[in-house]
Amino acid sequence: MAAAAQAVVEGRVQLTSRTLDEYRMVFGLTDEDLLSGPVLDCPGGASSFAAESRALGAQVISADPVYLLAPHIIEPLVRDHLAASAAFGLAIADQLDFSWAGSPEEHLVRWQGAAEAFLRDYAADHAGPERHYVPAALPRLPFADRQFRLSLCGFLLFTFPHAADREEAILELVRVTAGDVLIGPLEDPLGAPCSTLDALRSRLADLGVTTTTRDISYSIHPRQRGVLVCTRNS
């Protein structure tokens, strides 16, 4: 896990600060999805998803190797990654569709607000009796079998393909989840689709995991295919 945290610190894996609204679009989430049982967000990054969802009454645990870091250490890291993400997004803005956010600048404002909400919640979590931000890295999670009703894995397995073994990571997410595991997007940061997705789905089927794809409204890249839905067969 320390190596995974170091990858974030060094910028090889990007911390992102996404809002609850963006999670809804990325994964096609409904209020029923959020409120029907425990939800795992892995990796949680610097998102405000957990804080916003818990404010609605949801049970959310966020897992990320970077949660090894104390609040005063993670804060400048979050701000550095936000600046890098903003610069990258603006540099390729002509290749992206920010219409759902209004504009690249409005999208950045959303992420800035999410980052601040995360940092407040993360600091409060560290000071409290129970941790909702759990230091953990795929493909090894410190959770019981079927502990969560729903698990979300965003902007990791296909965005940063060398961050974790996809097959092992998906099997681990399925292990800790009684219902669906949602993984997306299925493209790299420039919108290129995964060329081995069909082979991966075939291997997962052989291992007892049913996969389907779900169309979603989030389409920052023109070639976006939606999210992968993974469910154990028994």
C-alpha atoms as a PDB file:
ATOM      1  CA  MET A   1       0.000   0.000   0.000  1.00  0.00           C
ATOM      2  CA  ALA A   2       2.897   2.356   0.685  1.00  0.00           C
ATOM      3  CA  ALA A   3       3.960   2.012  -2.965  1.00  0.00           C
ATOM      4  CA  ALA A   4       0.451   2.933  -4.109  1.00  0.00           C
ATOM      5  CA  ALA A   5       0.459   5.997  -1.863  1.00  0.00           C
ATOM      6  CA  GLN A   6       3.863   6.981  -3.231  1.00  0.00           C
ATOM      7  CA  ALA A   7       2.494   6.792  -6.782  1.00  0.00           C
ATOM      8  CA  VAL A   8      -0.051   9.459  -5.811  1.00  0.00           C
ATOM      9  CA  VAL A   9       2.534  11.599  -4.054  1.00  0.00           C
ATOM     10  CA  GLU A  10       4.759  11.464  -7.147  1.00  0.00           C
ATOM     11  CA  GLY A  11       1.864  12.286  -9.471  1.00  0.00           C
ATOM     12  CA  ARG A  12       1.846   8.971 -11.349  1.00  0.00           C
ATOM     13  CA  VAL A  13      -1.753   8.530 -10.196  1.00  0.00           C
ATOM     14  CA  GLN A  14      -3.860  11.662 -10.004  1.00  0.00           C
ATOM     15  CA  LEU A  15      -5.974  12.720  -7.028  1.00  0.00           C
ATOM     16  CA  THR A  16      -9.233  14.162  -8.305  1.00  0.00           C
ATOM     17  CA  SER A  17     -11.844  16.247  -6.498  1.00  0.00           C
ATOM     18  CA  ARG A  18     -15.209  15.252  -7.910  1.00  0.00           C
ATOM     19  CA  THR A  19     -18.602  16.230  -6.535  1.00  0.00           C
ATOM     20  CA  LEU A  20     -21.609  14.055  -5.719  1.00  0.00           C
ATOM     21  CA  ASP A  21     -23.316  15.401  -8.851  1.00  0.00           C
ATOM     22  CA  GLU A  22     -20.393  14.254 -10.982  1.00  0.00           C
ATOM     23  CA  TYR A  23     -20.475  10.804  -9.366  1.00  0.00           C
ATOM     24  CA  ARG A  24     -24.166  10.608 -10.210  1.00  0.00           C
ATOM     25  CA  MET A  25     -23.323  11.235 -13.866  1.00  0.00           C
ATOM     26  CA  VAL A  26     -20.187   9.078 -14.028  1.00  0.00           C
ATOM     27  CA  PHE A  27     -21.923   6.012 -12.568  1.00  0.00           C
ATOM     28  CA  GLY A  28     -25.576   6.700 -13.357  1.00  0.00           C
ATOM     29  CA  LEU A  29     -26.420   6.755  -9.637  1.00  0.00           C
ATOM     30  CA  THR A  30     -29.865   7.279  -8.160  1.00  0.00           C
ATOM     31  CA  ASP A  31     -30.880   8.207  -4.611  1.00  0.00           C
ATOM     32  CA  GLU A  32     -31.931   4.572  -4.142  1.00  0.00           C
ATOM     33  CA  ASP A  33     -28.401   3.460  -5.053  1.00  0.00           C
ATOM     34  CA  LEU A  34     -26.945   5.779  -2.426  1.00  0.00           C
ATOM     35  CA  LEU A  35     -29.390   5.077   0.392  1.00  0.00           C
ATOM     36  CA  SER A  36     -30.093   1.345   0.109  1.00  0.00           C
ATOM     37  CA  GLY A  37     -27.035   0.182   2.030  1.00  0.00           C
ATOM     38  CA  PRO A  38     -23.318   0.672   2.663  1.00  0.00           C
ATOM     39  CA  VAL A  39     -21.375   2.106  -0.276  1.00  0.00           C
ATOM     40  CA  LEU A  40     -17.646   1.751  -0.920  1.00  0.00           C
ATOM     41  CA  ASP A  41     -15.818   4.423  -2.920  1.00  0.00           C
ATOM     42  CA  CYS A  42     -12.457   2.991  -3.963  1.00  0.00           C
ATOM     43  CA  PRO A  43     -10.368   4.954  -4.676  1.00  0.00           C
ATOM     44  CA  GLY A  44     -11.990   7.915  -2.970  1.00  0.00           C
ATOM     45  CA  GLY A  45      -9.267  10.429  -3.788  1.00  0.00           C
ATOM     46  CA  ALA A  46     -10.056  13.997  -2.779  1.00  0.00           C
ATOM     47  CA  SER A  47     -13.711  13.794  -3.745  1.00  0.00           C
ATOM     48  CA  SER A  48     -16.552  15.379  -1.784  1.00  0.00           C
ATOM     49  CA  PHE A  49     -18.782  12.425  -2.758  1.00  0.00           C
ATOM     50  CA  ALA A  50     -18.599  10.757   0.655  1.00  0.00           C
ATOM     51  CA  ALA A  51     -19.185  13.922   2.660  1.00  0.00           C
ATOM     52  CA  GLU A  52     -22.109  15.002   0.466  1.00  0.00           C
ATOM     53  CA  SER A  53     -23.634  11.514   0.458  1.00  0.00           C
ATOM     54  CA  ARG A  54     -23.409  11.109   4.228  1.00  0.00           C
ATOM     55  CA  ALA A  55     -25.155  14.472   4.578  1.00  0.00           C
ATOM     56  CA  LEU A  56     -28.074  12.877   2.684  1.00  0.00           C
ATOM     57  CA  GLY A  57     -28.106   9.901   5.060  1.00  0.00           C
ATOM     58  CA  ALA A  58     -25.989   7.456   3.039  1.00  0.00           C
ATOM     59  CA  GLN A  59     -23.408   5.129   4.575  1.00  0.00           C
ATOM     60  CA  VAL A  60     -20.166   5.635   2.652  1.00  0.00           C
ATOM     61  CA  ILE A  61     -16.655   4.350   3.280  1.00  0.00           C
ATOM     62  CA  SER A  62     -13.858   5.768   1.121  1.00  0.00           C
ATOM     63  CA  ALA A  63     -10.684   3.754   0.560  1.00  0.00           C
ATOM     64  CA  ASP A  64      -7.465   5.125  -0.872  1.00  0.00           C
ATOM     65  CA  PRO A  65      -3.761   4.558  -0.161  1.00  0.00           C
ATOM     66  CA  VAL A  66      -3.271   8.315   0.200  1.00  0.00           C
ATOM     67  CA  TYR A  67      -5.366   8.241   3.375  1.00  0.00           C
ATOM     68  CA  LEU A  68      -2.204   7.106   5.115  1.00  0.00           C
ATOM     69  CA  LEU A  69      -1.335  10.814   5.182  1.00  0.00           C
ATOM     70  CA  ALA A  70      -2.277  13.194   7.966  1.00  0.00           C
ATOM     71  CA  PRO A  71      -4.578  16.116   7.103  1.00  0.00           C
ATOM     72  CA  HIS A  72      -1.791  18.710   7.144  1.00  0.00           C
ATOM     73  CA  ILE A  73       0.223  16.593   4.690  1.00  0.00           C
ATOM     74  CA  ILE A  74      -2.592  15.672   2.335  1.00  0.00           C
ATOM     75  CA  GLU A  75      -3.850  19.276   1.998  1.00  0.00           C
ATOM     76  CA  PRO A  76      -0.987  20.659  -0.141  1.00  0.00           C
ATOM     77  CA  LEU A  77      -0.998  17.423  -2.172  1.00  0.00           C
ATOM     78  CA  VAL A  78      -4.685  17.861  -2.987  1.00  0.00           C
ATOM     79  CA  ARG A  79      -4.099  21.457  -4.051  1.00  0.00           C
ATOM     80  CA  ASP A  80      -1.112  20.509  -6.221  1.00  0.00           C
ATOM     81  CA  HIS A  81      -3.062  17.756  -7.972  1.00  0.00           C
ATOM     82  CA  LEU A  82      -6.031  20.080  -8.490  1.00  0.00           C
ATOM     83  CA  ALA A  83      -3.754  22.604 -10.192  1.00  0.00           C
ATOM     84  CA  ALA A  84      -2.225  19.896 -12.394  1.00  0.00           C
ATOM     85  CA  SER A  85      -5.662  18.539 -13.361  1.00  0.00           C
ATOM     86  CA  ALA A  86      -6.878  22.036 -14.193  1.00  0.00           C
ATOM     87  CA  ALA A  87      -3.857  22.722 -16.382  1.00  0.00           C
ATOM     88  CA  PHE A  88      -4.281  19.406 -18.217  1.00  0.00           C
ATOM     89  CA  GLY A  89      -8.004  19.961 -18.746  1.00  0.00           C
ATOM     90  CA  LEU A  90      -7.513  23.458 -20.096  1.00  0.00           C
ATOM     91  CA  ALA A  91      -4.695  22.304 -22.385  1.00  0.00           C
ATOM     92  CA  ILE A  92      -6.965  19.766 -24.120  1.00  0.00           C
ATOM     93  CA  ALA A  93     -10.263  21.616 -23.640  1.00  0.00           C
ATOM     94  CA  ASP A  94     -10.889  21.593 -27.399  1.00  0.00           C
ATOM     95  CA  GLN A  95     -11.011  17.775 -27.290  1.00  0.00           C
ATOM     96  CA  LEU A  96     -13.449  17.593 -24.367  1.00  0.00           C
ATOM     97  CA  ASP A  97     -17.132  18.316 -23.777  1.00  0.00           C
ATOM     98  CA  PHE A  98     -17.711  20.458 -20.692  1.00  0.00           C
ATOM     99  CA  SER A  99     -21.310  21.321 -21.616  1.00  0.00           C
ATOM    100  CA  TRP A 100     -22.643  19.408 -18.591  1.00  0.00           C
ATOM    101  CA  ALA A 101     -20.566  21.685 -16.331  1.00  0.00           C
ATOM    102  CA  GLY A 102     -21.092  24.891 -18.330  1.00  0.00           C
ATOM    103  CA  SER A 103     -17.452  25.523 -19.244  1.00  0.00           C
ATOM    104  CA  PRO A 104     -13.931  24.365 -18.318  1.00  0.00           C
ATOM    105  CA  GLU A 105     -13.724  27.278 -15.880  1.00  0.00           C
ATOM    106  CA  GLU A 106     -17.005  26.346 -14.181  1.00  0.00           C
ATOM    107  CA  HIS A 107     -15.827  22.749 -14.001  1.00  0.00           C
ATOM    108  CA  LEU A 108     -12.719  23.918 -12.156  1.00  0.00           C
ATOM    109  CA  VAL A 109     -14.853  25.883  -9.694  1.00  0.00           C
ATOM    110  CA  ARG A 110     -16.813  22.686  -8.963  1.00  0.00           C
ATOM    111  CA  TRP A 111     -13.605  20.773  -8.291  1.00  0.00           C
ATOM    112  CA  GLN A 112     -12.236  23.523  -6.084  1.00  0.00           C
ATOM    113  CA  GLY A 113     -15.382  23.392  -3.958  1.00  0.00           C
ATOM    114  CA  ALA A 114     -15.192  19.604  -3.802  1.00  0.00           C
ATOM    115  CA  ALA A 115     -11.552  19.744  -2.708  1.00  0.00           C
ATOM    116  CA  GLU A 116     -12.340  22.160   0.121  1.00  0.00           C
ATOM    117  CA  ALA A 117     -15.298  20.025   1.267  1.00  0.00           C
ATOM    118  CA  PHE A 118     -13.116  16.906   1.220  1.00  0.00           C
ATOM    119  CA  LEU A 119     -10.333  18.549   3.213  1.00  0.00           C
ATOM    120  CA  ARG A 120     -12.773  19.708   5.903  1.00  0.00           C
ATOM    121  CA  ASP A 121     -14.388  16.280   6.139  1.00  0.00           C
ATOM    122  CA  TYR A 122     -11.048  14.468   6.109  1.00  0.00           C
ATOM    123  CA  ALA A 123      -9.708  16.595   8.973  1.00  0.00           C
ATOM    124  CA  ALA A 124     -12.884  16.058  10.996  1.00  0.00           C
ATOM    125  CA  ASP A 125     -12.739  12.327  10.296  1.00  0.00           C
ATOM    126  CA  HIS A 126      -9.188  12.129  11.654  1.00  0.00           C
ATOM    127  CA  ALA A 127     -10.284  13.855  14.826  1.00  0.00           C
ATOM    128  CA  GLY A 128     -13.337  11.631  15.316  1.00  0.00           C
ATOM    129  CA  PRO A 129     -13.788   8.188  16.884  1.00  0.00           C
ATOM    130  CA  GLU A 130     -14.599   6.332  13.642  1.00  0.00           C
ATOM    131  CA  ARG A 131     -12.725   6.430  10.354  1.00  0.00           C
ATOM    132  CA  HIS A 132     -14.717   6.813   7.143  1.00  0.00           C
ATOM    133  CA  TYR A 133     -11.521   7.362   5.115  1.00  0.00           C
ATOM    134  CA  VAL A 134      -9.660   4.046   5.209  1.00  0.00           C
ATOM    135  CA  PRO A 135      -6.063   3.672   3.999  1.00  0.00           C
ATOM    136  CA  ALA A 136      -6.223   0.814   1.495  1.00  0.00           C
ATOM    137  CA  ALA A 137      -5.070  -0.048  -2.008  1.00  0.00           C
ATOM    138  CA  LEU A 138      -6.403  -2.456  -4.594  1.00  0.00           C
ATOM    139  CA  PRO A 139      -6.153  -5.377  -4.985  1.00  0.00           C
ATOM    140  CA  ARG A 140      -6.109  -5.918  -1.187  1.00  0.00           C
ATOM    141  CA  LEU A 141      -8.910  -4.340   0.835  1.00  0.00           C
ATOM    142  CA  PRO A 142      -9.371  -4.651   4.634  1.00  0.00           C
ATOM    143  CA  PHE A 143     -13.091  -5.353   4.417  1.00  0.00           C
ATOM    144  CA  ALA A 144     -15.267  -8.409   4.989  1.00  0.00           C
ATOM    145  CA  ASP A 145     -16.917 -10.434   2.235  1.00  0.00           C
ATOM    146  CA  ARG A 146     -20.120  -8.744   1.010  1.00  0.00           C
ATOM    147  CA  GLN A 147     -19.642  -5.847   3.444  1.00  0.00           C
ATOM    148  CA  PHE A 148     -20.988  -3.295   0.952  1.00  0.00           C
ATOM    149  CA  ARG A 149     -24.181  -3.266  -1.043  1.00  0.00           C
ATOM    150  CA  LEU A 150     -22.595  -1.148  -3.789  1.00  0.00           C
ATOM    151  CA  SER A 151     -18.971  -0.394  -4.697  1.00  0.00           C
ATOM    152  CA  LEU A 152     -17.723   2.368  -6.980  1.00  0.00           C
ATOM    153  CA  CYS A 153     -14.310   2.434  -8.653  1.00  0.00           C
ATOM    154  CA  GLY A 154     -13.797   5.592 -10.653  1.00  0.00           C
ATOM    155  CA  PHE A 155     -10.920   6.952 -12.686  1.00  0.00           C
ATOM    156  CA  LEU A 156      -8.352   4.309 -11.827  1.00  0.00           C
ATOM    157  CA  LEU A 157      -8.378   0.897 -13.498  1.00  0.00           C
ATOM    158  CA  PHE A 158      -8.767   2.182 -17.056  1.00  0.00           C
ATOM    159  CA  THR A 159      -7.544   5.739 -16.486  1.00  0.00           C
ATOM    160  CA  PHE A 160      -4.233   4.618 -14.953  1.00  0.00           C
ATOM    161  CA  PRO A 161      -3.874   1.034 -16.242  1.00  0.00           C
ATOM    162  CA  HIS A 162      -0.609   0.369 -14.404  1.00  0.00           C
ATOM    163  CA  ALA A 163      -1.976   1.421 -11.010  1.00  0.00           C
ATOM    164  CA  ALA A 164      -3.374  -2.048 -10.218  1.00  0.00           C
ATOM    165  CA  ASP A 165      -3.979  -5.377 -11.914  1.00  0.00           C
ATOM    166  CA  ARG A 166      -7.475  -4.948 -13.347  1.00  0.00           C
ATOM    167  CA  GLU A 167      -8.592  -8.537 -12.960  1.00  0.00           C
ATOM    168  CA  GLU A 168      -7.356  -8.883  -9.379  1.00  0.00           C
ATOM    169  CA  ALA A 169      -8.779  -5.495  -8.438  1.00  0.00           C
ATOM    170  CA  ILE A 170     -12.218  -6.311  -9.835  1.00  0.00           C
ATOM    171  CA  LEU A 171     -12.292  -9.691  -8.108  1.00  0.00           C
ATOM    172  CA  GLU A 172     -11.446  -7.993  -4.815  1.00  0.00           C
ATOM    173  CA  LEU A 173     -14.153  -5.379  -5.279  1.00  0.00           C
ATOM    174  CA  VAL A 174     -16.640  -8.132  -6.083  1.00  0.00           C
ATOM    175  CA  ARG A 175     -15.550 -10.028  -2.954  1.00  0.00           C
ATOM    176  CA  VAL A 176     -16.458  -7.166  -0.621  1.00  0.00           C
ATOM    177  CA  THR A 177     -19.707  -6.296  -2.437  1.00  0.00           C
ATOM    178  CA  ALA A 178     -23.101  -7.971  -2.130  1.00  0.00           C
ATOM    179  CA  GLY A 179     -24.562  -6.098  -5.096  1.00  0.00           C
ATOM    180  CA  ASP A 180     -23.061  -4.287  -8.057  1.00  0.00           C
ATOM    181  CA  VAL A 181     -19.538  -3.018  -8.578  1.00  0.00           C
ATOM    182  CA  LEU A 182     -19.502  -0.024 -10.930  1.00  0.00           C
ATOM    183  CA  ILE A 183     -16.231   0.800 -12.716  1.00  0.00           C
ATOM    184  CA  GLY A 184     -15.674   3.721 -15.025  1.00  0.00           C
ATOM    185  CA  PRO A 185     -14.910   5.408 -17.200  1.00  0.00           C
ATOM    186  CA  LEU A 186     -13.565   2.750 -19.541  1.00  0.00           C
ATOM    187  CA  GLU A 187     -11.162   5.061 -21.372  1.00  0.00           C
ATOM    188  CA  ASP A 188      -7.820   6.682 -20.676  1.00  0.00           C
ATOM    189  CA  PRO A 189      -7.541  10.451 -19.962  1.00  0.00           C
ATOM    190  CA  LEU A 190      -7.552  11.224 -23.706  1.00  0.00           C
ATOM    191  CA  GLY A 191     -10.657   9.133 -24.345  1.00  0.00           C
ATOM    192  CA  ALA A 192      -8.967   6.096 -25.911  1.00  0.00           C
ATOM    193  CA  PRO A 193     -10.944   2.916 -25.107  1.00  0.00           C
ATOM    194  CA  CYS A 194      -9.412  -0.161 -23.493  1.00  0.00           C
ATOM    195  CA  SER A 195      -8.490  -2.576 -26.287  1.00  0.00           C
ATOM    196  CA  THR A 196      -8.548  -5.607 -23.949  1.00  0.00           C
ATOM    197  CA  LEU A 197     -11.934  -4.985 -22.323  1.00  0.00           C
ATOM    198  CA  ASP A 198     -13.695  -7.876 -24.080  1.00  0.00           C
ATOM    199  CA  ALA A 199     -10.926 -10.306 -23.098  1.00  0.00           C
ATOM    200  CA  LEU A 200     -11.098  -9.068 -19.497  1.00  0.00           C
ATOM    201  CA  ARG A 201     -14.847  -9.609 -19.393  1.00  0.00           C
ATOM    202  CA  SER A 202     -14.407 -13.111 -20.770  1.00  0.00           C
ATOM    203  CA  ARG A 203     -11.897 -13.998 -18.038  1.00  0.00           C
ATOM    204  CA  LEU A 204     -14.163 -12.559 -15.368  1.00  0.00           C
ATOM    205  CA  ALA A 205     -17.059 -14.654 -16.670  1.00  0.00           C
ATOM    206  CA  ASP A 206     -14.908 -17.768 -16.310  1.00  0.00           C
ATOM    207  CA  LEU A 207     -14.252 -16.732 -12.696  1.00  0.00           C
ATOM    208  CA  GLY A 208     -17.930 -16.363 -11.837  1.00  0.00           C
ATOM    209  CA  VAL A 209     -18.394 -12.616 -12.381  1.00  0.00           C
ATOM    210  CA  THR A 210     -21.145 -11.358 -14.682  1.00  0.00           C
ATOM    211  CA  THR A 211     -20.380  -8.075 -16.446  1.00  0.00           C
ATOM    212  CA  THR A 212     -22.553  -5.684 -18.399  1.00  0.00           C
ATOM    213  CA  THR A 213     -22.072  -2.098 -19.544  1.00  0.00           C
ATOM    214  CA  ARG A 214     -24.327   0.752 -18.498  1.00  0.00           C
ATOM    215  CA  ASP A 215     -24.830   3.822 -20.654  1.00  0.00           C
ATOM    216  CA  ILE A 216     -24.507   7.028 -18.641  1.00  0.00           C
ATOM    217  CA  SER A 217     -25.069  10.739 -19.271  1.00  0.00           C
ATOM    218  CA  TYR A 218     -21.473  11.743 -18.493  1.00  0.00           C
ATOM    219  CA  SER A 219     -19.663  12.193 -21.784  1.00  0.00           C
ATOM    220  CA  ILE A 220     -16.671  14.465 -21.343  1.00  0.00           C
ATOM    221  CA  HIS A 221     -14.980  12.383 -24.072  1.00  0.00           C
ATOM    222  CA  PRO A 222     -16.880  11.781 -27.335  1.00  0.00           C
ATOM    223  CA  ARG A 223     -15.881   8.094 -27.327  1.00  0.00           C
ATOM    224  CA  GLN A 224     -17.022   7.331 -23.774  1.00  0.00           C
ATOM    225  CA  ARG A 225     -18.776   3.956 -23.495  1.00  0.00           C
ATOM    226  CA  GLY A 226     -20.294   4.154 -20.025  1.00  0.00           C
ATOM    227  CA  VAL A 227     -19.405   2.057 -16.998  1.00  0.00           C
ATOM    228  CA  LEU A 228     -18.740  -1.610 -16.372  1.00  0.00           C
ATOM    229  CA  VAL A 229     -21.192  -3.309 -14.008  1.00  0.00           C
ATOM    230  CA  CYS A 230     -19.760  -6.368 -12.244  1.00  0.00           C
ATOM    231  CA  THR A 231     -21.791  -8.808 -10.137  1.00  0.00           C
ATOM    232  CA  ARG A 232     -20.890 -12.125  -8.551  1.00  0.00           C
ATOM    233  CA  ASN A 233     -22.844 -15.098  -9.865  1.00  0.00           C
ATOM    234  CA  SER A 234     -23.573 -16.611  -6.455  1.00  0.00           C
END
